[in-house]
Each structure stands twice: as structure tokens, then as C-alpha cells.
Amino acid sequence: LVNASTSDVLCTVTVEALAMGRRCVLARHPSNTFFQEHFADRCYFFNVGDAKGFAFAVRKAIAAGPAKPLPPEQRSALTWTAACER
């Protein structure tokens, strides 16, 4: 999934993609800090406005191949209960 948005406050598209076991390319932005902290193994980041960095992140995500299913602790981090506890 490529989600270059910096205004997707709830980040639901990214959460859904991660829950389905996908890799994500995301803008380095405060709204994506959670994904940097908890899903660094399957999220690839670029600086906003950096076309070369964006292309590099996309190539890196593709080269990583299919992601493995999320381990239980990562699946748990995506639940509504975990979100309410944060």
C-alpha cells in the first residue's frame, strides 16, 4: 500500500493494510509515528516532498517481497481495545 497522505488523521487505510499483512509506504509525518514505532519491519518511510526518497521507499518495499502474517503482538496493537488503552 502506498499512502502518501499527511492528512489521514485516523490512518484507517494503513491499519487495514497492515491487518491484512501488507507492506506500506508512508510519509514521515507525526500521524504515522505509531507505524514507525510498531511496524518498522513492514513500513517504509519517505520525507514529504522527497521524490527520490519516495521512489527508494517503494523499491525497498517491493524488493522485500510478500510480508509474513502479523505476529500476535502486532495484531493486538491494531485492535480497538489497544487503541483505547493508548
PDB file of N, CA and C in Angstrom:
ATOM      1  N   LEU A   1       0.848  -1.175   0.000  1.00  0.00           N
ATOM      2  CA  LEU A   1       0.000   0.000   0.000  1.00  0.00           C
ATOM      3  C   LEU A   1       0.887   1.230   0.000  1.00  0.00           C
ATOM      4  N   VAL A   2       0.563   2.187  -0.850  1.00  0.00           N
ATOM      5  CA  VAL A   2       1.221   3.487  -0.810  1.00  0.00           C
ATOM      6  C   VAL A   2       0.202   4.476  -0.280  1.00  0.00           C
ATOM      7  N   ASN A   3       0.492   5.071   0.863  1.00  0.00           N
ATOM      8  CA  ASN A   3      -0.368   6.090   1.450  1.00  0.00           C
ATOM      9  C   ASN A   3       0.510   7.293   1.753  1.00  0.00           C
ATOM     10  N   ALA A   4       0.556   8.209   0.786  1.00  0.00           N
ATOM     11  CA  ALA A   4       1.410   9.386   0.920  1.00  0.00           C
ATOM     12  C   ALA A   4       0.721  10.531   1.651  1.00  0.00           C
ATOM     13  N   SER A   5      -0.466  10.294   2.162  1.00  0.00           N
ATOM     14  CA  SER A   5      -1.248  11.346   2.812  1.00  0.00           C
ATOM     15  C   SER A   5      -0.579  11.828   4.105  1.00  0.00           C
ATOM     16  N   THR A   6      -0.693  13.128   4.338  1.00  0.00           N
ATOM     17  CA  THR A   6      -0.264  13.698   5.616  1.00  0.00           C
ATOM     18  C   THR A   6      -1.471  14.282   6.349  1.00  0.00           C
ATOM     19  N   SER A   7      -2.665  13.977   5.853  1.00  0.00           N
ATOM     20  CA  SER A   7      -3.876  14.494   6.494  1.00  0.00           C
ATOM     21  C   SER A   7      -4.853  13.380   6.868  1.00  0.00           C
ATOM     22  N   ASP A   8      -4.430  12.145   6.744  1.00  0.00           N
ATOM     23  CA  ASP A   8      -5.267  10.995   7.087  1.00  0.00           C
ATOM     24  C   ASP A   8      -5.180  10.783   8.589  1.00  0.00           C
ATOM     25  N   VAL A   9      -5.930  11.574   9.351  1.00  0.00           N
ATOM     26  CA  VAL A   9      -5.795  11.630  10.809  1.00  0.00           C
ATOM     27  C   VAL A   9      -5.996  10.266  11.471  1.00  0.00           C
ATOM     28  N   LEU A  10      -6.981   9.506  11.017  1.00  0.00           N
ATOM     29  CA  LEU A  10      -7.251   8.219  11.655  1.00  0.00           C
ATOM     30  C   LEU A  10      -6.405   7.079  11.097  1.00  0.00           C
ATOM     31  N   CYS A  11      -5.813   7.285   9.951  1.00  0.00           N
ATOM     32  CA  CYS A  11      -4.921   6.290   9.333  1.00  0.00           C
ATOM     33  C   CYS A  11      -5.588   4.937   9.141  1.00  0.00           C
ATOM     34  N   THR A  12      -6.894   4.927   8.896  1.00  0.00           N
ATOM     35  CA  THR A  12      -7.612   3.659   8.799  1.00  0.00           C
ATOM     36  C   THR A  12      -7.174   2.813   7.619  1.00  0.00           C
ATOM     37  N   VAL A  13      -6.838   3.430   6.504  1.00  0.00           N
ATOM     38  CA  VAL A  13      -6.401   2.669   5.333  1.00  0.00           C
ATOM     39  C   VAL A  13      -5.112   1.920   5.658  1.00  0.00           C
ATOM     40  N   THR A  14      -4.193   2.594   6.315  1.00  0.00           N
ATOM     41  CA  THR A  14      -2.919   1.970   6.678  1.00  0.00           C
ATOM     42  C   THR A  14      -3.145   0.833   7.671  1.00  0.00           C
ATOM     43  N   VAL A  15      -3.995   1.047   8.647  1.00  0.00           N
ATOM     44  CA  VAL A  15      -4.287  -0.005   9.632  1.00  0.00           C
ATOM     45  C   VAL A  15      -4.890  -1.220   8.945  1.00  0.00           C
ATOM     46  N   GLU A  16      -5.822  -0.995   8.035  1.00  0.00           N
ATOM     47  CA  GLU A  16      -6.446  -2.114   7.325  1.00  0.00           C
ATOM     48  C   GLU A  16      -5.420  -2.879   6.496  1.00  0.00           C
ATOM     49  N   ALA A  17      -4.530  -2.152   5.818  1.00  0.00           N
ATOM     50  CA  ALA A  17      -3.499  -2.822   5.018  1.00  0.00           C
ATOM     51  C   ALA A  17      -2.576  -3.652   5.900  1.00  0.00           C
ATOM     52  N   LEU A  18      -2.153  -3.086   7.018  1.00  0.00           N
ATOM     53  CA  LEU A  18      -1.288  -3.833   7.932  1.00  0.00           C
ATOM     54  C   LEU A  18      -2.012  -5.055   8.494  1.00  0.00           C
ATOM     55  N   ALA A  19      -3.281  -4.900   8.836  1.00  0.00           N
ATOM     56  CA  ALA A  19      -4.051  -6.021   9.372  1.00  0.00           C
ATOM     57  C   ALA A  19      -4.149  -7.153   8.354  1.00  0.00           C
ATOM     58  N   MET A  20      -4.122  -6.803   7.069  1.00  0.00           N
ATOM     59  CA  MET A  20      -4.162  -7.813   6.009  1.00  0.00           C
ATOM     60  C   MET A  20      -2.777  -8.358   5.687  1.00  0.00           C
ATOM     61  N   GLY A  21      -1.773  -7.900   6.441  1.00  0.00           N
ATOM     62  CA  GLY A  21      -0.423  -8.416   6.248  1.00  0.00           C
ATOM     63  C   GLY A  21       0.344  -7.760   5.120  1.00  0.00           C
ATOM     64  N   ARG A  22      -0.039  -6.567   4.721  1.00  0.00           N
ATOM     65  CA  ARG A  22       0.622  -5.876   3.612  1.00  0.00           C
ATOM     66  C   ARG A  22       1.799  -5.029   4.089  1.00  0.00           C
ATOM     67  N   ARG A  23       2.661  -4.687   3.154  1.00  0.00           N
ATOM     68  CA  ARG A  23       3.719  -3.717   3.394  1.00  0.00           C
ATOM     69  C   ARG A  23       3.164  -2.344   3.037  1.00  0.00           C
ATOM     70  N   CYS A  24       3.662  -1.300   3.685  1.00  0.00           N
ATOM     71  CA  CYS A  24       3.148   0.050   3.463  1.00  0.00           C
ATOM     72  C   CYS A  24       4.285   1.033   3.226  1.00  0.00           C
ATOM     73  N   VAL A  25       4.047   1.961   2.315  1.00  0.00           N
ATOM     74  CA  VAL A  25       4.954   3.076   2.073  1.00  0.00           C
ATOM     75  C   VAL A  25       4.224   4.314   2.569  1.00  0.00           C
ATOM     76  N   LEU A  26       4.840   5.001   3.536  1.00  0.00           N
ATOM     77  CA  LEU A  26       4.178   6.107   4.225  1.00  0.00           C
ATOM     78  C   LEU A  26       5.068   7.338   4.307  1.00  0.00           C
ATOM     79  N   ALA A  27       4.427   8.495   4.347  1.00  0.00           N
ATOM     80  CA  ALA A  27       5.155   9.740   4.556  1.00  0.00           C
ATOM     81  C   ALA A  27       5.677   9.792   5.991  1.00  0.00           C
ATOM     82  N   ARG A  28       6.884  10.293   6.159  1.00  0.00           N
ATOM     83  CA  ARG A  28       7.415  10.512   7.504  1.00  0.00           C
ATOM     84  C   ARG A  28       6.692  11.751   8.038  1.00  0.00           C
ATOM     85  N   HIS A  29       5.776  11.498   8.972  1.00  0.00           N
ATOM     86  CA  HIS A  29       4.861  12.544   9.443  1.00  0.00           C
ATOM     87  C   HIS A  29       4.370  12.151  10.823  1.00  0.00           C
ATOM     88  N   PRO A  30       4.047  13.120  11.705  1.00  0.00           N
ATOM     89  CA  PRO A  30       3.572  12.766  13.052  1.00  0.00           C
ATOM     90  C   PRO A  30       2.378  11.804  13.065  1.00  0.00           C
ATOM     91  N   SER A  31       1.516  11.875  12.045  1.00  0.00           N
ATOM     92  CA  SER A  31       0.362  10.968  12.020  1.00  0.00           C
ATOM     93  C   SER A  31       0.764   9.519  11.786  1.00  0.00           C
ATOM     94  N   ASN A  32       1.996   9.295  11.355  1.00  0.00           N
ATOM     95  CA  ASN A  32       2.461   7.932  11.097  1.00  0.00           C
ATOM     96  C   ASN A  32       3.479   7.428  12.122  1.00  0.00           C
ATOM     97  N   THR A  33       3.689   8.178  13.188  1.00  0.00           N
ATOM     98  CA  THR A  33       4.655   7.788  14.214  1.00  0.00           C
ATOM     99  C   THR A  33       4.343   6.408  14.790  1.00  0.00           C
ATOM    100  N   PHE A  34       3.072   6.132  15.026  1.00  0.00           N
ATOM    101  CA  PHE A  34       2.669   4.823  15.562  1.00  0.00           C
ATOM    102  C   PHE A  34       3.198   3.694  14.681  1.00  0.00           C
ATOM    103  N   PHE A  35       3.102   3.867  13.373  1.00  0.00           N
ATOM    104  CA  PHE A  35       3.551   2.819  12.451  1.00  0.00           C
ATOM    105  C   PHE A  35       5.069   2.708  12.448  1.00  0.00           C
ATOM    106  N   GLN A  36       5.775   3.806  12.600  1.00  0.00           N
ATOM    107  CA  GLN A  36       7.232   3.761  12.703  1.00  0.00           C
ATOM    108  C   GLN A  36       7.657   2.993  13.955  1.00  0.00           C
ATOM    109  N   GLU A  37       6.929   3.200  15.042  1.00  0.00           N
ATOM    110  CA  GLU A  37       7.288   2.570  16.318  1.00  0.00           C
ATOM    111  C   GLU A  37       6.911   1.096  16.381  1.00  0.00           C
ATOM    112  N   HIS A  38       5.799   0.706  15.786  1.00  0.00           N
ATOM    113  CA  HIS A  38       5.282  -0.652  15.963  1.00  0.00           C
ATOM    114  C   HIS A  38       5.360  -1.546  14.730  1.00  0.00           C
ATOM    115  N   PHE A  39       5.596  -0.976  13.553  1.00  0.00           N
ATOM    116  CA  PHE A  39       5.571  -1.775  12.327  1.00  0.00           C
ATOM    117  C   PHE A  39       6.741  -1.438  11.410  1.00  0.00           C
ATOM    118  N   ALA A  40       7.875  -1.142  11.992  1.00  0.00           N
ATOM    119  CA  ALA A  40       9.058  -0.772  11.210  1.00  0.00           C
ATOM    120  C   ALA A  40       9.496  -1.903  10.274  1.00  0.00           C
ATOM    121  N   ASP A  41       9.110  -3.127  10.579  1.00  0.00           N
ATOM    122  CA  ASP A  41       9.501  -4.265   9.750  1.00  0.00           C
ATOM    123  C   ASP A  41       8.700  -4.360   8.456  1.00  0.00           C
ATOM    124  N   ARG A  42       7.605  -3.620   8.337  1.00  0.00           N
ATOM    125  CA  ARG A  42       6.794  -3.697   7.121  1.00  0.00           C
ATOM    126  C   ARG A  42       6.327  -2.341   6.614  1.00  0.00           C
ATOM    127  N   CYS A  43       6.821  -1.260   7.204  1.00  0.00           N
ATOM    128  CA  CYS A  43       6.514   0.088   6.731  1.00  0.00           C
ATOM    129  C   CYS A  43       7.797   0.757   6.264  1.00  0.00           C
ATOM    130  N   TYR A  44       7.697   1.447   5.149  1.00  0.00           N
ATOM    131  CA  TYR A  44       8.841   2.113   4.538  1.00  0.00           C
ATOM    132  C   TYR A  44       8.493   3.594   4.423  1.00  0.00           C
ATOM    133  N   PHE A  45       9.364   4.444   4.912  1.00  0.00           N
ATOM    134  CA  PHE A  45       9.059   5.865   5.057  1.00  0.00           C
ATOM    135  C   PHE A  45       9.890   6.738   4.133  1.00  0.00           C
ATOM    136  N   PHE A  46       9.318   7.862   3.756  1.00  0.00           N
ATOM    137  CA  PHE A  46       9.996   8.859   2.943  1.00  0.00           C
ATOM    138  C   PHE A  46       9.641  10.238   3.490  1.00  0.00           C
ATOM    139  N   ASN A  47      10.508  11.187   3.261  1.00  0.00           N
ATOM    140  CA  ASN A  47      10.242  12.560   3.680  1.00  0.00           C
ATOM    141  C   ASN A  47       9.311  13.229   2.677  1.00  0.00           C
ATOM    142  N   VAL A  48       8.353  13.970   3.184  1.00  0.00           N
ATOM    143  CA  VAL A  48       7.394  14.674   2.334  1.00  0.00           C
ATOM    144  C   VAL A  48       8.152  15.589   1.373  1.00  0.00           C
ATOM    145  N   GLY A  49       7.811  15.504   0.104  1.00  0.00           N
ATOM    146  CA  GLY A  49       8.446  16.331  -0.912  1.00  0.00           C
ATOM    147  C   GLY A  49       9.718  15.759  -1.501  1.00  0.00           C
ATOM    148  N   ASP A  50      10.163  14.618  -1.018  1.00  0.00           N
ATOM    149  CA  ASP A  50      11.398  13.999  -1.483  1.00  0.00           C
ATOM    150  C   ASP A  50      11.064  12.880  -2.471  1.00  0.00           C
ATOM    151  N   ALA A  51      11.022  13.216  -3.762  1.00  0.00           N
ATOM    152  CA  ALA A  51      10.637  12.251  -4.791  1.00  0.00           C
ATOM    153  C   ALA A  51      11.597  11.058  -4.854  1.00  0.00           C
ATOM    154  N   LYS A  52      12.888  11.329  -4.717  1.00  0.00           N
ATOM    155  CA  LYS A  52      13.867  10.229  -4.754  1.00  0.00           C
ATOM    156  C   LYS A  52      13.688   9.315  -3.539  1.00  0.00           C
ATOM    157  N   GLY A  53      13.450   9.916  -2.380  1.00  0.00           N
ATOM    158  CA  GLY A  53      13.209   9.121  -1.176  1.00  0.00           C
ATOM    159  C   GLY A  53      11.944   8.296  -1.283  1.00  0.00           C
ATOM    160  N   PHE A  54      10.916   8.869  -1.912  1.00  0.00           N
ATOM    161  CA  PHE A  54       9.670   8.141  -2.136  1.00  0.00           C
ATOM    162  C   PHE A  54       9.922   6.936  -3.043  1.00  0.00           C
ATOM    163  N   ALA A  55      10.609   7.168  -4.162  1.00  0.00           N
ATOM    164  CA  ALA A  55      10.907   6.079  -5.092  1.00  0.00           C
ATOM    165  C   ALA A  55      11.743   4.990  -4.412  1.00  0.00           C
ATOM    166  N   PHE A  56      12.695   5.402  -3.592  1.00  0.00           N
ATOM    167  CA  PHE A  56      13.533   4.441  -2.866  1.00  0.00           C
ATOM    168  C   PHE A  56      12.676   3.598  -1.916  1.00  0.00           C
ATOM    169  N   ALA A  57      11.758   4.242  -1.183  1.00  0.00           N
ATOM    170  CA  ALA A  57      10.895   3.511  -0.242  1.00  0.00           C
ATOM    171  C   ALA A  57      10.018   2.512  -0.982  1.00  0.00           C
ATOM    172  N   VAL A  58       9.489   2.892  -2.139  1.00  0.00           N
ATOM    173  CA  VAL A  58       8.654   1.977  -2.929  1.00  0.00           C
ATOM    174  C   VAL A  58       9.488   0.796  -3.410  1.00  0.00           C
ATOM    175  N   ARG A  59      10.665   1.068  -3.945  1.00  0.00           N
ATOM    176  CA  ARG A  59      11.534  -0.031  -4.411  1.00  0.00           C
ATOM    177  C   ARG A  59      11.904  -0.963  -3.266  1.00  0.00           C
ATOM    178  N   LYS A  60      12.205  -0.398  -2.117  1.00  0.00           N
ATOM    179  CA  LYS A  60      12.585  -1.209  -0.955  1.00  0.00           C
ATOM    180  C   LYS A  60      11.413  -2.098  -0.511  1.00  0.00           C
ATOM    181  N   ALA A  61      10.208  -1.551  -0.505  1.00  0.00           N
ATOM    182  CA  ALA A  61       9.027  -2.332  -0.115  1.00  0.00           C
ATOM    183  C   ALA A  61       8.780  -3.477  -1.093  1.00  0.00           C
ATOM    184  N   ILE A  62       8.917  -3.198  -2.377  1.00  0.00           N
ATOM    185  CA  ILE A  62       8.709  -4.235  -3.394  1.00  0.00           C
ATOM    186  C   ILE A  62       9.785  -5.307  -3.284  1.00  0.00           C
ATOM    187  N   ALA A  63      11.024  -4.896  -3.104  1.00  0.00           N
ATOM    188  CA  ALA A  63      12.140  -5.844  -3.014  1.00  0.00           C
ATOM    189  C   ALA A  63      12.030  -6.743  -1.794  1.00  0.00           C
ATOM    190  N   ALA A  64      11.351  -6.272  -0.753  1.00  0.00           N
ATOM    191  CA  ALA A  64      11.213  -7.075   0.473  1.00  0.00           C
ATOM    192  C   ALA A  64      10.316  -8.291   0.253  1.00  0.00           C
ATOM    193  N   GLY A  65       9.541  -8.282  -0.818  1.00  0.00           N
ATOM    194  CA  GLY A  65       8.672  -9.424  -1.110  1.00  0.00           C
ATOM    195  C   GLY A  65       7.452  -9.451  -0.214  1.00  0.00           C
ATOM    196  N   PRO A  66       6.674 -10.514  -0.335  1.00  0.00           N
ATOM    197  CA  PRO A  66       5.443 -10.614   0.461  1.00  0.00           C
ATOM    198  C   PRO A  66       5.751 -10.626   1.961  1.00  0.00           C
ATOM    199  N   ALA A  67       4.963  -9.899   2.698  1.00  0.00           N
ATOM    200  CA  ALA A  67       5.132  -9.871   4.158  1.00  0.00           C
ATOM    201  C   ALA A  67       4.544 -11.135   4.759  1.00  0.00           C
ATOM    202  N   LYS A  68       5.119 -11.565   5.852  1.00  0.00           N
ATOM    203  CA  LYS A  68       4.582 -12.704   6.590  1.00  0.00           C
ATOM    204  C   LYS A  68       3.395 -12.220   7.415  1.00  0.00           C
ATOM    205  N   PRO A  69       2.532 -13.134   7.857  1.00  0.00           N
ATOM    206  CA  PRO A  69       1.404 -12.720   8.713  1.00  0.00           C
ATOM    207  C   PRO A  69       1.914 -11.995   9.962  1.00  0.00           C
ATOM    208  N   LEU A  70       1.098 -11.084  10.445  1.00  0.00           N
ATOM    209  CA  LEU A  70       1.461 -10.337  11.646  1.00  0.00           C
ATOM    210  C   LEU A  70       1.571 -11.263  12.855  1.00  0.00           C
ATOM    211  N   PRO A  71       2.593 -11.084  13.683  1.00  0.00           N
ATOM    212  CA  PRO A  71       2.657 -11.837  14.935  1.00  0.00           C
ATOM    213  C   PRO A  71       1.576 -11.309  15.894  1.00  0.00           C
ATOM    214  N   PRO A  72       1.216 -12.103  16.892  1.00  0.00           N
ATOM    215  CA  PRO A  72       0.129 -11.723  17.806  1.00  0.00           C
ATOM    216  C   PRO A  72       0.268 -10.334  18.425  1.00  0.00           C
ATOM    217  N   GLU A  73       1.483  -9.934  18.821  1.00  0.00           N
ATOM    218  CA  GLU A  73       1.625  -8.632  19.475  1.00  0.00           C
ATOM    219  C   GLU A  73       1.336  -7.476  18.504  1.00  0.00           C
ATOM    220  N   GLN A  74       1.677  -7.650  17.234  1.00  0.00           N
ATOM    221  CA  GLN A  74       1.363  -6.608  16.257  1.00  0.00           C
ATOM    222  C   GLN A  74      -0.131  -6.615  15.923  1.00  0.00           C
ATOM    223  N   ARG A  75      -0.720  -7.788  15.798  1.00  0.00           N
ATOM    224  CA  ARG A  75      -2.176  -7.865  15.563  1.00  0.00           C
ATOM    225  C   ARG A  75      -2.913  -7.183  16.697  1.00  0.00           C
ATOM    226  N   SER A  76      -2.475  -7.439  17.919  1.00  0.00           N
ATOM    227  CA  SER A  76      -3.115  -6.845  19.094  1.00  0.00           C
ATOM    228  C   SER A  76      -3.018  -5.325  19.087  1.00  0.00           C
ATOM    229  N   ALA A  77      -1.894  -4.786  18.627  1.00  0.00           N
ATOM    230  CA  ALA A  77      -1.702  -3.334  18.597  1.00  0.00           C
ATOM    231  C   ALA A  77      -2.708  -2.639  17.673  1.00  0.00           C
ATOM    232  N   LEU A  78      -3.293  -3.378  16.734  1.00  0.00           N
ATOM    233  CA  LEU A  78      -4.246  -2.799  15.785  1.00  0.00           C
ATOM    234  C   LEU A  78      -5.694  -2.877  16.254  1.00  0.00           C
ATOM    235  N   THR A  79      -5.936  -3.462  17.414  1.00  0.00           N
ATOM    236  CA  THR A  79      -7.317  -3.611  17.877  1.00  0.00           C
ATOM    237  C   THR A  79      -7.857  -2.319  18.481  1.00  0.00           C
ATOM    238  N   TRP A  80      -9.169  -2.233  18.494  1.00  0.00           N
ATOM    239  CA  TRP A  80      -9.829  -1.078  19.095  1.00  0.00           C
ATOM    240  C   TRP A  80      -9.487  -0.978  20.582  1.00  0.00           C
ATOM    241  N   THR A  81      -9.425  -2.104  21.252  1.00  0.00           N
ATOM    242  CA  THR A  81      -9.097  -2.123  22.681  1.00  0.00           C
ATOM    243  C   THR A  81      -7.719  -1.529  22.915  1.00  0.00           C
ATOM    244  N   ALA A  82      -6.744  -1.930  22.124  1.00  0.00           N
ATOM    245  CA  ALA A  82      -5.390  -1.396  22.286  1.00  0.00           C
ATOM    246  C   ALA A  82      -5.367   0.105  21.999  1.00  0.00           C
ATOM    247  N   ALA A  83      -6.122   0.538  20.999  1.00  0.00           N
ATOM    248  CA  ALA A  83      -6.184   1.963  20.673  1.00  0.00           C
ATOM    249  C   ALA A  83      -6.759   2.766  21.827  1.00  0.00           C
ATOM    250  N   CYS A  84      -7.767   2.215  22.502  1.00  0.00           N
ATOM    251  CA  CYS A  84      -8.380   2.922  23.628  1.00  0.00           C
ATOM    252  C   CYS A  84      -7.454   2.987  24.833  1.00  0.00           C
ATOM    253  N   GLU A  85      -6.557   2.014  24.941  1.00  0.00           N
ATOM    254  CA  GLU A  85      -5.614   1.981  26.060  1.00  0.00           C
ATOM    255  C   GLU A  85      -4.423   2.918  25.863  1.00  0.00           C
ATOM    256  N   ARG A  86      -4.167   3.349  24.639  1.00  0.00           N
ATOM    257  CA  ARG A  86      -3.018   4.230  24.365  1.00  0.00           C
ATOM    258  C   ARG A  86      -3.297   5.632  24.816  1.00  0.00           C
TER     259      ARG A  86
END
